[in-house]
Amino acid sequence: MEQRKATKVNVDNQVTIATSNNLIFHGKTKHFKLKYYFMREVQKNDELQLIYCKTEDQLADMLTKPLSKTKFETLRDKIGVCSKTCKGEC
């Protein structure tokens, strides 16, 4: 399949977005230079677009991090998943 527009990736780290867009590498970033060269290239080719997403809105966290019950339930509600105890009230 041909990709017609950029894949949007939500990122909760503004430094990551700034570094991937910045044409100048600083000494502290040289150890991950290769990854950001790749990121710049795919962004330049309009294959990928990094979009800032606040940490509290990062839905993937519920699948990748241990969370408090409250935080887990908040994210679960945002994707529209009900627990057995909600009985269709969500």
PDB file of N, CA and C in Angstrom:
ATOM      1  N   MET A   1       0.836  -1.184   0.000  1.00  0.00           N
ATOM      2  CA  MET A   1       0.000   0.000   0.000  1.00  0.00           C
ATOM      3  C   MET A   1       0.883   1.250   0.000  1.00  0.00           C
ATOM      4  N   GLU A   2       0.418   2.245  -0.675  1.00  0.00           N
ATOM      5  CA  GLU A   2       1.147   3.507  -0.730  1.00  0.00           C
ATOM      6  C   GLU A   2       0.691   4.413   0.404  1.00  0.00           C
ATOM      7  N   GLN A   3       1.647   5.018   1.085  1.00  0.00           N
ATOM      8  CA  GLN A   3       1.320   5.941   2.168  1.00  0.00           C
ATOM      9  C   GLN A   3       1.118   7.317   1.573  1.00  0.00           C
ATOM     10  N   ARG A   4      -0.074   7.867   1.760  1.00  0.00           N
ATOM     11  CA  ARG A   4      -0.406   9.153   1.140  1.00  0.00           C
ATOM     12  C   ARG A   4      -0.151  10.346   2.054  1.00  0.00           C
ATOM     13  N   LYS A   5      -0.234  10.126   3.369  1.00  0.00           N
ATOM     14  CA  LYS A   5       0.058  11.216   4.295  1.00  0.00           C
ATOM     15  C   LYS A   5       0.788  10.665   5.514  1.00  0.00           C
ATOM     16  N   ALA A   6       1.348  11.548   6.284  1.00  0.00           N
ATOM     17  CA  ALA A   6       2.205  11.168   7.402  1.00  0.00           C
ATOM     18  C   ALA A   6       1.431  10.400   8.478  1.00  0.00           C
ATOM     19  N   THR A   7       2.096   9.410   9.056  1.00  0.00           N
ATOM     20  CA  THR A   7       1.564   8.708  10.211  1.00  0.00           C
ATOM     21  C   THR A   7       1.790   9.593  11.425  1.00  0.00           C
ATOM     22  N   LYS A   8       0.740   9.852  12.185  1.00  0.00           N
ATOM     23  CA  LYS A   8       0.839  10.718  13.356  1.00  0.00           C
ATOM     24  C   LYS A   8       1.181   9.874  14.578  1.00  0.00           C
ATOM     25  N   VAL A   9       2.225  10.308  15.287  1.00  0.00           N
ATOM     26  CA  VAL A   9       2.673   9.612  16.487  1.00  0.00           C
ATOM     27  C   VAL A   9       2.585  10.587  17.655  1.00  0.00           C
ATOM     28  N   ASN A  10       1.801  10.247  18.668  1.00  0.00           N
ATOM     29  CA  ASN A  10       1.675  11.082  19.861  1.00  0.00           C
ATOM     30  C   ASN A  10       2.878  10.855  20.766  1.00  0.00           C
ATOM     31  N   VAL A  11       3.531  11.948  21.153  1.00  0.00           N
ATOM     32  CA  VAL A  11       4.723  11.893  21.988  1.00  0.00           C
ATOM     33  C   VAL A  11       4.506  12.823  23.172  1.00  0.00           C
ATOM     34  N   ASP A  12       4.822  12.340  24.383  1.00  0.00           N
ATOM     35  CA  ASP A  12       4.636  13.184  25.564  1.00  0.00           C
ATOM     36  C   ASP A  12       5.935  13.842  26.025  1.00  0.00           C
ATOM     37  N   ASN A  13       6.918  13.927  25.143  1.00  0.00           N
ATOM     38  CA  ASN A  13       8.203  14.516  25.481  1.00  0.00           C
ATOM     39  C   ASN A  13       8.541  15.598  24.462  1.00  0.00           C
ATOM     40  N   GLN A  14       8.431  16.859  24.877  1.00  0.00           N
ATOM     41  CA  GLN A  14       8.680  17.969  23.959  1.00  0.00           C
ATOM     42  C   GLN A  14      10.141  18.049  23.529  1.00  0.00           C
ATOM     43  N   VAL A  15      11.068  17.616  24.377  1.00  0.00           N
ATOM     44  CA  VAL A  15      12.485  17.630  24.013  1.00  0.00           C
ATOM     45  C   VAL A  15      12.736  16.668  22.859  1.00  0.00           C
ATOM     46  N   THR A  16      12.076  15.522  22.877  1.00  0.00           N
ATOM     47  CA  THR A  16      12.218  14.561  21.781  1.00  0.00           C
ATOM     48  C   THR A  16      11.783  15.186  20.460  1.00  0.00           C
ATOM     49  N   ILE A  17      10.651  15.867  20.471  1.00  0.00           N
ATOM     50  CA  ILE A  17      10.148  16.507  19.252  1.00  0.00           C
ATOM     51  C   ILE A  17      11.114  17.594  18.791  1.00  0.00           C
ATOM     52  N   ALA A  18      11.569  18.430  19.720  1.00  0.00           N
ATOM     53  CA  ALA A  18      12.489  19.518  19.370  1.00  0.00           C
ATOM     54  C   ALA A  18      13.805  18.972  18.820  1.00  0.00           C
ATOM     55  N   THR A  19      14.329  17.919  19.447  1.00  0.00           N
ATOM     56  CA  THR A  19      15.598  17.350  18.992  1.00  0.00           C
ATOM     57  C   THR A  19      15.460  16.748  17.601  1.00  0.00           C
ATOM     58  N   SER A  20      14.343  16.093  17.333  1.00  0.00           N
ATOM     59  CA  SER A  20      14.176  15.487  16.011  1.00  0.00           C
ATOM     60  C   SER A  20      13.970  16.545  14.928  1.00  0.00           C
ATOM     61  N   ASN A  21      13.512  17.737  15.305  1.00  0.00           N
ATOM     62  CA  ASN A  21      13.322  18.814  14.331  1.00  0.00           C
ATOM     63  C   ASN A  21      14.525  19.729  14.204  1.00  0.00           C
ATOM     64  N   ASN A  22      15.427  19.706  15.183  1.00  0.00           N
ATOM     65  CA  ASN A  22      16.584  20.593  15.212  1.00  0.00           C
ATOM     66  C   ASN A  22      17.682  20.052  14.298  1.00  0.00           C
ATOM     67  N   LEU A  23      18.209  20.896  13.461  1.00  0.00           N
ATOM     68  CA  LEU A  23      19.240  20.454  12.522  1.00  0.00           C
ATOM     69  C   LEU A  23      20.623  20.373  13.154  1.00  0.00           C
ATOM     70  N   ILE A  24      20.782  20.917  14.343  1.00  0.00           N
ATOM     71  CA  ILE A  24      22.082  20.926  15.001  1.00  0.00           C
ATOM     72  C   ILE A  24      22.050  19.972  16.180  1.00  0.00           C
ATOM     73  N   PHE A  25      22.995  19.036  16.210  1.00  0.00           N
ATOM     74  CA  PHE A  25      23.112  18.128  17.339  1.00  0.00           C
ATOM     75  C   PHE A  25      24.057  18.736  18.361  1.00  0.00           C
ATOM     76  N   HIS A  26      23.717  18.594  19.594  1.00  0.00           N
ATOM     77  CA  HIS A  26      24.578  19.054  20.669  1.00  0.00           C
ATOM     78  C   HIS A  26      25.369  17.856  21.193  1.00  0.00           C
ATOM     79  N   GLY A  27      26.462  18.114  21.879  1.00  0.00           N
ATOM     80  CA  GLY A  27      27.312  17.047  22.385  1.00  0.00           C
ATOM     81  C   GLY A  27      26.573  16.039  23.246  1.00  0.00           C
ATOM     82  N   LYS A  28      25.574  16.474  23.981  1.00  0.00           N
ATOM     83  CA  LYS A  28      24.842  15.576  24.873  1.00  0.00           C
ATOM     84  C   LYS A  28      23.917  14.625  24.122  1.00  0.00           C
ATOM     85  N   THR A  29      23.650  14.875  22.863  1.00  0.00           N
ATOM     86  CA  THR A  29      22.742  14.020  22.100  1.00  0.00           C
ATOM     87  C   THR A  29      23.459  13.097  21.126  1.00  0.00           C
ATOM     88  N   LYS A  30      24.790  13.115  21.098  1.00  0.00           N
ATOM     89  CA  LYS A  30      25.500  12.348  20.078  1.00  0.00           C
ATOM     90  C   LYS A  30      25.324  10.842  20.217  1.00  0.00           C
ATOM     91  N   HIS A  31      25.019  10.336  21.431  1.00  0.00           N
ATOM     92  CA  HIS A  31      24.880   8.899  21.603  1.00  0.00           C
ATOM     93  C   HIS A  31      23.621   8.334  20.957  1.00  0.00           C
ATOM     94  N   PHE A  32      22.638   9.162  20.625  1.00  0.00           N
ATOM     95  CA  PHE A  32      21.478   8.654  19.903  1.00  0.00           C
ATOM     96  C   PHE A  32      21.280   9.365  18.574  1.00  0.00           C
ATOM     97  N   LYS A  33      22.364   9.779  17.984  1.00  0.00           N
ATOM     98  CA  LYS A  33      22.353  10.516  16.724  1.00  0.00           C
ATOM     99  C   LYS A  33      21.659   9.749  15.596  1.00  0.00           C
ATOM    100  N   LEU A  34      21.948   8.475  15.463  1.00  0.00           N
ATOM    101  CA  LEU A  34      21.408   7.673  14.373  1.00  0.00           C
ATOM    102  C   LEU A  34      19.885   7.653  14.383  1.00  0.00           C
ATOM    103  N   LYS A  35      19.298   7.493  15.564  1.00  0.00           N
ATOM    104  CA  LYS A  35      17.834   7.455  15.678  1.00  0.00           C
ATOM    105  C   LYS A  35      17.219   8.764  15.192  1.00  0.00           C
ATOM    106  N   TYR A  36      17.829   9.895  15.559  1.00  0.00           N
ATOM    107  CA  TYR A  36      17.255  11.170  15.161  1.00  0.00           C
ATOM    108  C   TYR A  36      17.509  11.503  13.697  1.00  0.00           C
ATOM    109  N   TYR A  37      18.591  11.010  13.119  1.00  0.00           N
ATOM    110  CA  TYR A  37      18.769  11.159  11.672  1.00  0.00           C
ATOM    111  C   TYR A  37      17.634  10.449  10.942  1.00  0.00           C
ATOM    112  N   PHE A  38      17.302   9.258  11.415  1.00  0.00           N
ATOM    113  CA  PHE A  38      16.187   8.521  10.823  1.00  0.00           C
ATOM    114  C   PHE A  38      14.881   9.285  11.005  1.00  0.00           C
ATOM    115  N   MET A  39      14.632   9.798  12.225  1.00  0.00           N
ATOM    116  CA  MET A  39      13.391  10.539  12.492  1.00  0.00           C
ATOM    117  C   MET A  39      13.273  11.767  11.593  1.00  0.00           C
ATOM    118  N   ARG A  40      14.370  12.478  11.422  1.00  0.00           N
ATOM    119  CA  ARG A  40      14.343  13.666  10.556  1.00  0.00           C
ATOM    120  C   ARG A  40      14.022  13.296   9.118  1.00  0.00           C
ATOM    121  N   GLU A  41      14.629  12.217   8.660  1.00  0.00           N
ATOM    122  CA  GLU A  41      14.412  11.810   7.274  1.00  0.00           C
ATOM    123  C   GLU A  41      12.960  11.424   7.016  1.00  0.00           C
ATOM    124  N   VAL A  42      12.370  10.628   7.898  1.00  0.00           N
ATOM    125  CA  VAL A  42      10.982  10.223   7.664  1.00  0.00           C
ATOM    126  C   VAL A  42      10.023  11.392   7.843  1.00  0.00           C
ATOM    127  N   GLN A  43      10.363  12.352   8.709  1.00  0.00           N
ATOM    128  CA  GLN A  43       9.526  13.552   8.819  1.00  0.00           C
ATOM    129  C   GLN A  43       9.654  14.420   7.571  1.00  0.00           C
ATOM    130  N   LYS A  44      10.875  14.542   7.072  1.00  0.00           N
ATOM    131  CA  LYS A  44      11.109  15.340   5.864  1.00  0.00           C
ATOM    132  C   LYS A  44      10.370  14.752   4.668  1.00  0.00           C
ATOM    133  N   ASN A  45      10.318  13.420   4.609  1.00  0.00           N
ATOM    134  CA  ASN A  45       9.630  12.734   3.512  1.00  0.00           C
ATOM    135  C   ASN A  45       8.122  12.631   3.743  1.00  0.00           C
ATOM    136  N   ASP A  46       7.624  13.277   4.791  1.00  0.00           N
ATOM    137  CA  ASP A  46       6.204  13.297   5.148  1.00  0.00           C
ATOM    138  C   ASP A  46       5.655  11.883   5.383  1.00  0.00           C
ATOM    139  N   GLU A  47       6.488  11.037   5.991  1.00  0.00           N
ATOM    140  CA  GLU A  47       6.059   9.689   6.347  1.00  0.00           C
ATOM    141  C   GLU A  47       5.636   9.606   7.798  1.00  0.00           C
ATOM    142  N   LEU A  48       6.115  10.545   8.627  1.00  0.00           N
ATOM    143  CA  LEU A  48       5.860  10.524  10.058  1.00  0.00           C
ATOM    144  C   LEU A  48       5.707  11.945  10.562  1.00  0.00           C
ATOM    145  N   GLN A  49       4.786  12.140  11.501  1.00  0.00           N
ATOM    146  CA  GLN A  49       4.602  13.442  12.117  1.00  0.00           C
ATOM    147  C   GLN A  49       4.508  13.244  13.623  1.00  0.00           C
ATOM    148  N   LEU A  50       5.433  13.869  14.376  1.00  0.00           N
ATOM    149  CA  LEU A  50       5.396  13.788  15.823  1.00  0.00           C
ATOM    150  C   LEU A  50       4.480  14.878  16.351  1.00  0.00           C
ATOM    151  N   ILE A  51       3.534  14.496  17.195  1.00  0.00           N
ATOM    152  CA  ILE A  51       2.555  15.422  17.749  1.00  0.00           C
ATOM    153  C   ILE A  51       2.652  15.372  19.265  1.00  0.00           C
ATOM    154  N   TYR A  52       2.736  16.543  19.891  1.00  0.00           N
ATOM    155  CA  TYR A  52       2.821  16.577  21.345  1.00  0.00           C
ATOM    156  C   TYR A  52       1.482  16.173  21.962  1.00  0.00           C
ATOM    157  N   CYS A  53       1.571  15.307  22.947  1.00  0.00           N
ATOM    158  CA  CYS A  53       0.401  14.836  23.680  1.00  0.00           C
ATOM    159  C   CYS A  53       0.766  14.870  25.161  1.00  0.00           C
ATOM    160  N   LYS A  54      -0.007  15.586  25.960  1.00  0.00           N
ATOM    161  CA  LYS A  54       0.281  15.665  27.392  1.00  0.00           C
ATOM    162  C   LYS A  54       0.311  14.266  27.997  1.00  0.00           C
ATOM    163  N   THR A  55       1.167  14.083  28.976  1.00  0.00           N
ATOM    164  CA  THR A  55       1.333  12.778  29.614  1.00  0.00           C
ATOM    165  C   THR A  55       0.009  12.225  30.119  1.00  0.00           C
ATOM    166  N   GLU A  56      -0.824  13.071  30.688  1.00  0.00           N
ATOM    167  CA  GLU A  56      -2.094  12.587  31.237  1.00  0.00           C
ATOM    168  C   GLU A  56      -3.080  12.130  30.153  1.00  0.00           C
ATOM    169  N   ASP A  57      -2.823  12.491  28.910  1.00  0.00           N
ATOM    170  CA  ASP A  57      -3.691  12.070  27.804  1.00  0.00           C
ATOM    171  C   ASP A  57      -3.093  10.932  26.977  1.00  0.00           C
ATOM    172  N   GLN A  58      -1.939  10.416  27.379  1.00  0.00           N
ATOM    173  CA  GLN A  58      -1.239   9.369  26.633  1.00  0.00           C
ATOM    174  C   GLN A  58      -1.908   8.011  26.903  1.00  0.00           C
ATOM    175  N   LEU A  59      -2.805   7.605  26.019  1.00  0.00           N
ATOM    176  CA  LEU A  59      -3.602   6.395  26.213  1.00  0.00           C
ATOM    177  C   LEU A  59      -2.756   5.127  26.253  1.00  0.00           C
ATOM    178  N   ALA A  60      -1.635   5.106  25.563  1.00  0.00           N
ATOM    179  CA  ALA A  60      -0.788   3.912  25.539  1.00  0.00           C
ATOM    180  C   ALA A  60      -0.208   3.587  26.911  1.00  0.00           C
ATOM    181  N   ASP A  61      -0.163   4.567  27.807  1.00  0.00           N
ATOM    182  CA  ASP A  61       0.383   4.319  29.142  1.00  0.00           C
ATOM    183  C   ASP A  61      -0.337   3.199  29.871  1.00  0.00           C
ATOM    184  N   MET A  62      -1.621   3.032  29.617  1.00  0.00           N
ATOM    185  CA  MET A  62      -2.359   1.983  30.321  1.00  0.00           C
ATOM    186  C   MET A  62      -1.920   0.582  29.890  1.00  0.00           C
ATOM    187  N   LEU A  63      -1.255   0.498  28.773  1.00  0.00           N
ATOM    188  CA  LEU A  63      -0.767  -0.790  28.284  1.00  0.00           C
ATOM    189  C   LEU A  63       0.722  -1.007  28.549  1.00  0.00           C
ATOM    190  N   THR A  64       1.431   0.066  28.901  1.00  0.00           N
ATOM    191  CA  THR A  64       2.881  -0.041  29.002  1.00  0.00           C
ATOM    192  C   THR A  64       3.457   0.296  30.368  1.00  0.00           C
ATOM    193  N   LYS A  65       2.647   0.858  31.288  1.00  0.00           N
ATOM    194  CA  LYS A  65       3.179   1.294  32.578  1.00  0.00           C
ATOM    195  C   LYS A  65       2.269   0.852  33.719  1.00  0.00           C
ATOM    196  N   PRO A  66       2.858   0.629  34.886  1.00  0.00           N
ATOM    197  CA  PRO A  66       2.009   0.382  36.057  1.00  0.00           C
ATOM    198  C   PRO A  66       1.379   1.713  36.487  1.00  0.00           C
ATOM    199  N   LEU A  67       0.075   1.737  36.639  1.00  0.00           N
ATOM    200  CA  LEU A  67      -0.638   2.967  36.976  1.00  0.00           C
ATOM    201  C   LEU A  67      -1.477   2.768  38.228  1.00  0.00           C
ATOM    202  N   SER A  68      -1.809   3.883  38.853  1.00  0.00           N
ATOM    203  CA  SER A  68      -2.748   3.810  39.966  1.00  0.00           C
ATOM    204  C   SER A  68      -4.118   3.420  39.416  1.00  0.00           C
ATOM    205  N   LYS A  69      -4.972   2.923  40.278  1.00  0.00           N
ATOM    206  CA  LYS A  69      -6.314   2.507  39.849  1.00  0.00           C
ATOM    207  C   LYS A  69      -7.070   3.676  39.221  1.00  0.00           C
ATOM    208  N   THR A  70      -6.967   4.854  39.831  1.00  0.00           N
ATOM    209  CA  THR A  70      -7.672   6.042  39.326  1.00  0.00           C
ATOM    210  C   THR A  70      -7.203   6.413  37.930  1.00  0.00           C
ATOM    211  N   LYS A  71      -5.878   6.456  37.740  1.00  0.00           N
ATOM    212  CA  LYS A  71      -5.316   6.810  36.427  1.00  0.00           C
ATOM    213  C   LYS A  71      -5.714   5.773  35.374  1.00  0.00           C
ATOM    214  N   PHE A  72      -5.633   4.488  35.737  1.00  0.00           N
ATOM    215  CA  PHE A  72      -6.020   3.432  34.816  1.00  0.00           C
ATOM    216  C   PHE A  72      -7.482   3.577  34.408  1.00  0.00           C
ATOM    217  N   GLU A  73      -8.360   3.810  35.374  1.00  0.00           N
ATOM    218  CA  GLU A  73      -9.786   3.950  35.073  1.00  0.00           C
ATOM    219  C   GLU A  73     -10.063   5.168  34.202  1.00  0.00           C
ATOM    220  N   THR A  74      -9.342   6.256  34.431  1.00  0.00           N
ATOM    221  CA  THR A  74      -9.506   7.460  33.606  1.00  0.00           C
ATOM    222  C   THR A  74      -9.141   7.174  32.154  1.00  0.00           C
ATOM    223  N   LEU A  75      -7.991   6.530  31.946  1.00  0.00           N
ATOM    224  CA  LEU A  75      -7.568   6.207  30.578  1.00  0.00           C
ATOM    225  C   LEU A  75      -8.502   5.171  29.949  1.00  0.00           C
ATOM    226  N   ARG A  76      -8.942   4.204  30.737  1.00  0.00           N
ATOM    227  CA  ARG A  76      -9.879   3.183  30.238  1.00  0.00           C
ATOM    228  C   ARG A  76     -11.168   3.842  29.753  1.00  0.00           C
ATOM    229  N   ASP A  77     -11.660   4.807  30.517  1.00  0.00           N
ATOM    230  CA  ASP A  77     -12.883   5.519  30.124  1.00  0.00           C
ATOM    231  C   ASP A  77     -12.680   6.315  28.833  1.00  0.00           C
ATOM    232  N   LYS A  78     -11.469   6.871  28.639  1.00  0.00           N
ATOM    233  CA  LYS A  78     -11.190   7.665  27.435  1.00  0.00           C
ATOM    234  C   LYS A  78     -11.239   6.821  26.167  1.00  0.00           C
ATOM    235  N   ILE A  79     -10.918   5.524  26.271  1.00  0.00           N
ATOM    236  CA  ILE A  79     -10.994   4.682  25.072  1.00  0.00           C
ATOM    237  C   ILE A  79     -12.337   3.964  24.973  1.00  0.00           C
ATOM    238  N   GLY A  80     -13.213   4.180  25.958  1.00  0.00           N
ATOM    239  CA  GLY A  80     -14.570   3.646  25.887  1.00  0.00           C
ATOM    240  C   GLY A  80     -14.712   2.193  26.277  1.00  0.00           C
ATOM    241  N   VAL A  81     -13.835   1.707  27.135  1.00  0.00           N
ATOM    242  CA  VAL A  81     -13.916   0.321  27.586  1.00  0.00           C
ATOM    243  C   VAL A  81     -14.586   0.289  28.951  1.00  0.00           C
ATOM    244  N   CYS A  82     -15.537  -0.612  29.113  1.00  0.00           N
ATOM    245  CA  CYS A  82     -16.247  -0.755  30.391  1.00  0.00           C
ATOM    246  C   CYS A  82     -15.701  -1.969  31.145  1.00  0.00           C
ATOM    247  N   SER A  83     -15.736  -1.883  32.447  1.00  0.00           N
ATOM    248  CA  SER A  83     -15.384  -3.041  33.275  1.00  0.00           C
ATOM    249  C   SER A  83     -16.645  -3.859  33.492  1.00  0.00           C
ATOM    250  N   LYS A  84     -16.498  -5.034  34.041  1.00  0.00           N
ATOM    251  CA  LYS A  84     -17.652  -5.888  34.328  1.00  0.00           C
ATOM    252  C   LYS A  84     -18.579  -5.229  35.335  1.00  0.00           C
ATOM    253  N   THR A  85     -18.040  -4.386  36.201  1.00  0.00           N
ATOM    254  CA  THR A  85     -18.856  -3.787  37.256  1.00  0.00           C
ATOM    255  C   THR A  85     -19.650  -2.556  36.802  1.00  0.00           C
ATOM    256  N   CYS A  86     -19.354  -1.983  35.658  1.00  0.00           N
ATOM    257  CA  CYS A  86     -20.085  -0.772  35.261  1.00  0.00           C
ATOM    258  C   CYS A  86     -21.454  -1.070  34.668  1.00  0.00           C
ATOM    259  N   LYS A  87     -21.684  -2.265  34.214  1.00  0.00           N
ATOM    260  CA  LYS A  87     -23.005  -2.726  33.700  1.00  0.00           C
ATOM    261  C   LYS A  87     -23.602  -1.778  32.679  1.00  0.00           C
ATOM    262  N   GLY A  88     -22.772  -1.350  31.725  1.00  0.00           N
ATOM    263  CA  GLY A  88     -23.274  -0.514  30.618  1.00  0.00           C
ATOM    264  C   GLY A  88     -23.500   0.940  30.967  1.00  0.00           C
ATOM    265  N   GLU A  89     -23.057   1.394  32.132  1.00  0.00           N
ATOM    266  CA  GLU A  89     -23.276   2.770  32.551  1.00  0.00           C
ATOM    267  C   GLU A  89     -22.158   3.700  32.099  1.00  0.00           C
ATOM    268  N   CYS A  90     -21.099   3.176  31.498  1.00  0.00           N
ATOM    269  CA  CYS A  90     -19.962   4.021  31.088  1.00  0.00           C
ATOM    270  C   CYS A  90     -20.259   4.738  29.786  1.00  0.00           C
TER     271      CYS A  90
END
